[in-house]
Amino acid sequence: MKPELIEKERISALTFSDSQPIQQHPELSSQIEKATILGNSHHSKVSIIFQDDAGLKRVDTTIWAAGMKFICLKGGVWIPIARIVEIKL
């Protein structure tokens, strides 16, 4: 299934449920760490593939920070790490 490309500004209107387990890339933690470094030092965009309650989505943006449960994108938008499938650098 191909993810739907969306704008970062639409993410705050999406809904995320923890009840649906998703298959995540085995190196997701490393991908998040590298993408955060790229975002902060080079302002580089990455492709984030994630699952909301309606289906698979993709956003091309900069990751500014990563916590234990969420990543923060440019503009203060948050995505739950539990819903991220993969980050393409």
Protein backbone atom coordinates (compact mmCIF):
# COMPACT_ATOMS: atom_id res chain seq x y z
CA MET A 1 0.00 0.00 0.00
CA LYS A 2 1.40 3.38 -1.04
CA PRO A 3 1.21 6.12 1.61
CA GLU A 4 -0.80 9.27 0.96
CA LEU A 5 1.44 12.34 0.77
CA ILE A 6 0.15 15.05 3.09
CA GLU A 7 1.26 18.50 4.20
CA LYS A 8 2.75 18.85 7.68
CA GLU A 9 0.03 21.34 8.63
CA ARG A 10 -2.66 18.64 8.25
CA ILE A 11 -1.09 16.29 10.83
CA SER A 12 -2.63 18.04 13.86
CA ALA A 13 -6.11 17.19 12.48
CA LEU A 14 -5.32 13.46 12.23
CA THR A 15 -6.26 10.93 14.90
CA PHE A 16 -3.93 8.28 16.30
CA SER A 17 -4.98 5.21 18.23
CA ASP A 18 -2.64 2.93 20.15
CA SER A 19 -5.01 0.00 19.71
CA GLN A 20 -3.76 -0.88 16.22
CA PRO A 21 -0.31 -2.46 16.29
CA ILE A 22 1.79 -1.55 13.27
CA GLN A 23 4.95 -3.06 11.82
CA GLN A 24 7.84 -0.68 12.31
CA HIS A 25 11.22 -0.68 10.59
CA PRO A 26 13.73 -2.58 12.77
CA GLU A 27 16.11 0.42 12.73
CA LEU A 28 13.46 3.04 13.51
CA SER A 29 15.21 4.32 16.65
CA SER A 30 18.40 4.88 14.69
CA GLN A 31 16.46 6.53 11.85
CA ILE A 32 14.83 8.95 14.31
CA GLU A 33 18.19 9.81 15.87
CA LYS A 34 19.87 10.45 12.49
CA ALA A 35 16.89 12.44 11.15
CA THR A 36 16.88 14.66 14.26
CA ILE A 37 20.58 15.39 13.84
CA LEU A 38 20.04 16.22 10.16
CA GLY A 39 17.12 18.47 11.02
CA ASN A 40 18.98 20.42 13.66
CA SER A 41 22.39 20.74 12.02
CA HIS A 42 21.50 20.93 8.31
CA HIS A 43 17.74 21.70 8.33
CA SER A 44 17.39 18.66 6.04
CA LYS A 45 13.99 17.20 5.27
CA VAL A 46 13.21 13.49 5.60
CA SER A 47 10.23 11.38 4.55
CA ILE A 48 8.25 10.11 7.52
CA ILE A 49 5.89 7.23 6.79
CA PHE A 50 3.31 6.79 9.52
CA GLN A 51 -0.11 5.30 10.18
CA ASP A 52 -3.03 7.34 11.46
CA ASP A 53 -6.49 5.90 12.13
CA ALA A 54 -7.48 6.36 8.46
CA GLY A 55 -4.43 4.79 6.79
CA LEU A 56 -0.82 5.13 5.73
CA LYS A 57 0.54 8.67 5.30
CA ARG A 58 3.84 10.29 4.27
CA VAL A 59 5.12 13.73 5.10
CA ASP A 60 8.36 15.33 3.89
CA THR A 61 9.59 17.62 6.64
CA THR A 62 12.27 18.38 9.24
CA ILE A 63 12.40 16.65 12.63
CA TRP A 64 13.42 19.13 15.33
CA ALA A 65 13.25 16.93 18.43
CA ALA A 66 12.53 13.38 19.54
CA GLY A 67 11.27 12.27 22.92
CA MET A 68 10.31 8.90 24.35
CA LYS A 69 6.83 8.83 22.79
CA PHE A 70 6.68 11.59 20.16
CA ILE A 71 8.73 13.37 17.52
CA CYS A 72 8.39 17.12 17.04
CA LEU A 73 8.41 18.54 13.54
CA LYS A 74 9.13 22.06 12.42
CA GLY A 75 6.19 24.23 13.44
CA GLY A 76 5.42 22.36 16.69
CA VAL A 77 3.62 19.42 15.07
CA TRP A 78 3.86 16.09 16.93
CA ILE A 79 3.65 12.49 15.68
CA PRO A 80 3.51 9.52 18.10
CA ILE A 81 6.55 7.27 17.62
CA ALA A 82 4.32 4.21 18.07
CA ARG A 83 2.58 5.16 14.80
CA ILE A 84 5.75 5.69 12.70
CA VAL A 85 6.52 2.93 10.20
CA GLU A 86 9.78 4.25 8.78
CA ILE A 87 11.86 7.39 8.22
CA LYS A 88 13.68 7.72 4.91
CA LEU A 89 16.73 9.95 5.12
